[in-house]
Amino acid sequence: MRKSAMIRARVEPELKTDVEKIFGDLGLTTTEAITLFYHQVKSKRGLPLLETAKKTNEGKELSEYNDLDEFTKKMGI
């Protein structure tokens, strides 16, 4: 599907800079990170963060991927 919808948001400049560096370290663009978040919200039909954080803290349902391509293939995106 062709990506043509635009998202505009205002965030604190320091937050933007810090987070974009983390995305870069992970090999992600901001667009890819937002797209992943949207897919998770759609999949969970809500915010995935609370349930995921709880499971992560308990060491449950953890997955490891060698790179972004492997991850996106597994997620079907």
N, C-alpha and C. Protein backbone atom coordinates (compact mmCIF):
# COMPACT_ATOMS: atom_id res chain seq x y z
N MET A 1 0.84 -1.17 0.00
CA MET A 1 0.00 0.00 0.00
C MET A 1 0.89 1.24 0.00
N ARG A 2 0.52 2.21 -0.81
CA ARG A 2 1.30 3.45 -0.89
C ARG A 2 1.06 4.29 0.35
N LYS A 3 2.13 4.78 0.91
CA LYS A 3 2.02 5.63 2.10
C LYS A 3 1.81 7.07 1.67
N SER A 4 0.66 7.62 2.04
CA SER A 4 0.40 9.00 1.64
C SER A 4 -0.22 9.84 2.75
N ALA A 5 -0.62 9.25 3.85
CA ALA A 5 -1.20 10.02 4.96
C ALA A 5 -0.06 10.66 5.75
N MET A 6 -0.31 11.89 6.19
CA MET A 6 0.70 12.65 6.91
C MET A 6 0.29 12.81 8.37
N ILE A 7 1.25 12.68 9.27
CA ILE A 7 1.03 12.90 10.71
C ILE A 7 1.88 14.09 11.11
N ARG A 8 1.27 15.02 11.81
CA ARG A 8 2.02 16.17 12.34
C ARG A 8 1.79 16.24 13.83
N ALA A 9 2.87 16.39 14.56
CA ALA A 9 2.76 16.45 16.02
C ALA A 9 3.84 17.38 16.55
N ARG A 10 3.53 18.05 17.63
CA ARG A 10 4.52 18.90 18.30
C ARG A 10 5.00 18.19 19.55
N VAL A 11 6.33 18.12 19.68
CA VAL A 11 6.95 17.52 20.86
C VAL A 11 8.08 18.42 21.32
N GLU A 12 8.55 18.20 22.52
CA GLU A 12 9.67 18.96 23.04
C GLU A 12 10.91 18.68 22.18
N PRO A 13 11.64 19.72 21.79
CA PRO A 13 12.81 19.51 20.92
C PRO A 13 13.83 18.52 21.47
N GLU A 14 14.11 18.59 22.78
CA GLU A 14 15.09 17.68 23.36
C GLU A 14 14.60 16.23 23.30
N LEU A 15 13.31 16.02 23.55
CA LEU A 15 12.73 14.68 23.47
C LEU A 15 12.86 14.14 22.04
N LYS A 16 12.54 14.97 21.06
CA LYS A 16 12.65 14.58 19.65
C LYS A 16 14.08 14.17 19.31
N THR A 17 15.04 14.99 19.69
CA THR A 17 16.45 14.70 19.41
C THR A 17 16.89 13.39 20.06
N ASP A 18 16.56 13.24 21.33
CA ASP A 18 16.97 12.03 22.06
C ASP A 18 16.35 10.77 21.47
N VAL A 19 15.07 10.84 21.17
CA VAL A 19 14.37 9.66 20.65
C VAL A 19 14.82 9.32 19.24
N GLU A 20 15.04 10.33 18.40
CA GLU A 20 15.51 10.05 17.04
C GLU A 20 16.90 9.43 17.05
N LYS A 21 17.73 9.77 18.04
CA LYS A 21 19.04 9.11 18.15
C LYS A 21 18.85 7.63 18.50
N ILE A 22 17.94 7.35 19.41
CA ILE A 22 17.65 5.96 19.77
C ILE A 22 17.13 5.20 18.56
N PHE A 23 16.19 5.79 17.82
CA PHE A 23 15.69 5.15 16.60
C PHE A 23 16.85 4.84 15.65
N GLY A 24 17.75 5.81 15.48
CA GLY A 24 18.90 5.61 14.60
C GLY A 24 19.77 4.47 15.07
N ASP A 25 19.99 4.39 16.38
CA ASP A 25 20.78 3.28 16.94
C ASP A 25 20.11 1.94 16.67
N LEU A 26 18.78 1.94 16.60
CA LEU A 26 18.02 0.72 16.34
C LEU A 26 17.87 0.45 14.84
N GLY A 27 18.35 1.37 14.01
CA GLY A 27 18.23 1.21 12.57
C GLY A 27 16.86 1.58 12.04
N LEU A 28 16.14 2.43 12.78
CA LEU A 28 14.80 2.84 12.39
C LEU A 28 14.75 4.32 12.06
N THR A 29 13.89 4.67 11.13
CA THR A 29 13.55 6.08 10.92
C THR A 29 12.38 6.39 11.83
N THR A 30 12.12 7.66 12.02
CA THR A 30 10.96 8.05 12.83
C THR A 30 9.68 7.52 12.18
N THR A 31 9.58 7.59 10.88
CA THR A 31 8.40 7.08 10.17
C THR A 31 8.21 5.59 10.43
N GLU A 32 9.30 4.81 10.37
CA GLU A 32 9.19 3.37 10.63
C GLU A 32 8.75 3.10 12.06
N ALA A 33 9.28 3.86 13.01
CA ALA A 33 8.90 3.67 14.42
C ALA A 33 7.43 3.99 14.64
N ILE A 34 6.95 5.07 14.06
CA ILE A 34 5.54 5.44 14.19
C ILE A 34 4.66 4.37 13.54
N THR A 35 5.07 3.89 12.39
CA THR A 35 4.30 2.85 11.69
C THR A 35 4.23 1.58 12.55
N LEU A 36 5.35 1.19 13.17
CA LEU A 36 5.34 0.02 14.06
C LEU A 36 4.38 0.23 15.22
N PHE A 37 4.41 1.42 15.81
CA PHE A 37 3.50 1.73 16.91
C PHE A 37 2.05 1.64 16.46
N TYR A 38 1.72 2.21 15.32
CA TYR A 38 0.36 2.16 14.80
C TYR A 38 -0.10 0.71 14.56
N HIS A 39 0.79 -0.11 14.02
CA HIS A 39 0.44 -1.52 13.79
C HIS A 39 0.16 -2.23 15.12
N GLN A 40 0.93 -1.91 16.15
CA GLN A 40 0.70 -2.52 17.45
C GLN A 40 -0.63 -2.07 18.05
N VAL A 41 -0.94 -0.79 17.94
CA VAL A 41 -2.23 -0.29 18.45
C VAL A 41 -3.37 -0.98 17.71
N LYS A 42 -3.25 -1.11 16.41
CA LYS A 42 -4.29 -1.78 15.62
C LYS A 42 -4.41 -3.24 16.04
N SER A 43 -3.29 -3.92 16.18
CA SER A 43 -3.28 -5.33 16.55
C SER A 43 -3.89 -5.57 17.93
N LYS A 44 -3.51 -4.73 18.88
CA LYS A 44 -3.99 -4.89 20.27
C LYS A 44 -5.33 -4.20 20.51
N ARG A 45 -5.76 -3.41 19.52
CA ARG A 45 -7.00 -2.64 19.65
C ARG A 45 -6.93 -1.71 20.86
N GLY A 46 -5.75 -1.15 21.07
CA GLY A 46 -5.50 -0.23 22.18
C GLY A 46 -4.00 -0.04 22.33
N LEU A 47 -3.62 0.64 23.38
CA LEU A 47 -2.19 0.87 23.62
C LEU A 47 -1.54 -0.41 24.13
N PRO A 48 -0.51 -0.86 23.45
CA PRO A 48 0.14 -2.12 23.84
C PRO A 48 1.12 -1.97 24.99
N LEU A 49 1.37 -0.77 25.43
CA LEU A 49 2.48 -0.52 26.35
C LEU A 49 2.33 -1.12 27.73
N LEU A 50 1.17 -0.98 28.35
CA LEU A 50 1.03 -1.46 29.73
C LEU A 50 1.12 -2.97 29.82
N GLU A 51 0.40 -3.66 28.97
CA GLU A 51 0.44 -5.12 28.97
C GLU A 51 1.85 -5.62 28.63
N THR A 52 2.45 -4.99 27.64
CA THR A 52 3.79 -5.39 27.22
C THR A 52 4.81 -5.14 28.32
N ALA A 53 4.73 -3.98 28.98
CA ALA A 53 5.67 -3.68 30.06
C ALA A 53 5.56 -4.69 31.18
N LYS A 54 4.35 -5.06 31.52
CA LYS A 54 4.15 -6.05 32.60
C LYS A 54 4.78 -7.39 32.22
N LYS A 55 4.51 -7.84 30.99
CA LYS A 55 5.07 -9.12 30.55
C LYS A 55 6.59 -9.06 30.47
N THR A 56 7.12 -7.94 29.99
CA THR A 56 8.57 -7.79 29.89
C THR A 56 9.21 -7.85 31.26
N ASN A 57 8.63 -7.15 32.21
CA ASN A 57 9.17 -7.16 33.58
C ASN A 57 9.15 -8.55 34.18
N GLU A 58 8.19 -9.37 33.76
CA GLU A 58 8.08 -10.74 34.25
C GLU A 58 8.92 -11.70 33.41
N GLY A 59 9.57 -11.20 32.35
CA GLY A 59 10.39 -12.04 31.48
C GLY A 59 9.58 -12.96 30.58
N LYS A 60 8.33 -12.59 30.32
CA LYS A 60 7.44 -13.42 29.50
C LYS A 60 7.33 -12.89 28.08
N GLU A 61 7.12 -13.80 27.14
CA GLU A 61 6.84 -13.49 25.74
C GLU A 61 7.86 -12.55 25.11
N LEU A 62 9.14 -12.77 25.40
CA LEU A 62 10.20 -11.97 24.82
C LEU A 62 10.67 -12.60 23.52
N SER A 63 11.02 -11.76 22.56
CA SER A 63 11.53 -12.22 21.27
C SER A 63 12.80 -11.46 20.94
N GLU A 64 13.68 -12.10 20.21
CA GLU A 64 14.90 -11.44 19.74
C GLU A 64 14.95 -11.54 18.23
N TYR A 65 15.44 -10.48 17.60
CA TYR A 65 15.56 -10.42 16.15
C TYR A 65 16.96 -9.95 15.81
N ASN A 66 17.49 -10.46 14.70
CA ASN A 66 18.84 -10.10 14.27
C ASN A 66 18.90 -8.72 13.64
N ASP A 67 17.79 -8.30 13.01
CA ASP A 67 17.76 -7.00 12.36
C ASP A 67 16.33 -6.57 12.11
N LEU A 68 16.15 -5.35 11.61
CA LEU A 68 14.83 -4.79 11.37
C LEU A 68 14.07 -5.60 10.32
N ASP A 69 14.76 -6.07 9.29
CA ASP A 69 14.10 -6.86 8.25
C ASP A 69 13.45 -8.13 8.82
N GLU A 70 14.18 -8.80 9.68
CA GLU A 70 13.64 -10.02 10.31
C GLU A 70 12.41 -9.68 11.16
N PHE A 71 12.50 -8.57 11.90
CA PHE A 71 11.39 -8.14 12.75
C PHE A 71 10.16 -7.79 11.92
N THR A 72 10.33 -6.96 10.88
CA THR A 72 9.18 -6.54 10.09
C THR A 72 8.56 -7.71 9.34
N LYS A 73 9.37 -8.66 8.90
CA LYS A 73 8.84 -9.86 8.25
C LYS A 73 7.98 -10.66 9.23
N LYS A 74 8.47 -10.82 10.45
CA LYS A 74 7.73 -11.56 11.49
C LYS A 74 6.43 -10.84 11.84
N MET A 75 6.44 -9.50 11.84
CA MET A 75 5.25 -8.71 12.16
C MET A 75 4.29 -8.59 10.99
N GLY A 76 4.74 -9.00 9.80
CA GLY A 76 3.89 -8.92 8.62
C GLY A 76 3.72 -7.50 8.08
N ILE A 77 4.77 -6.71 8.25
CA ILE A 77 4.70 -5.33 7.74
C ILE A 77 5.83 -5.05 6.77
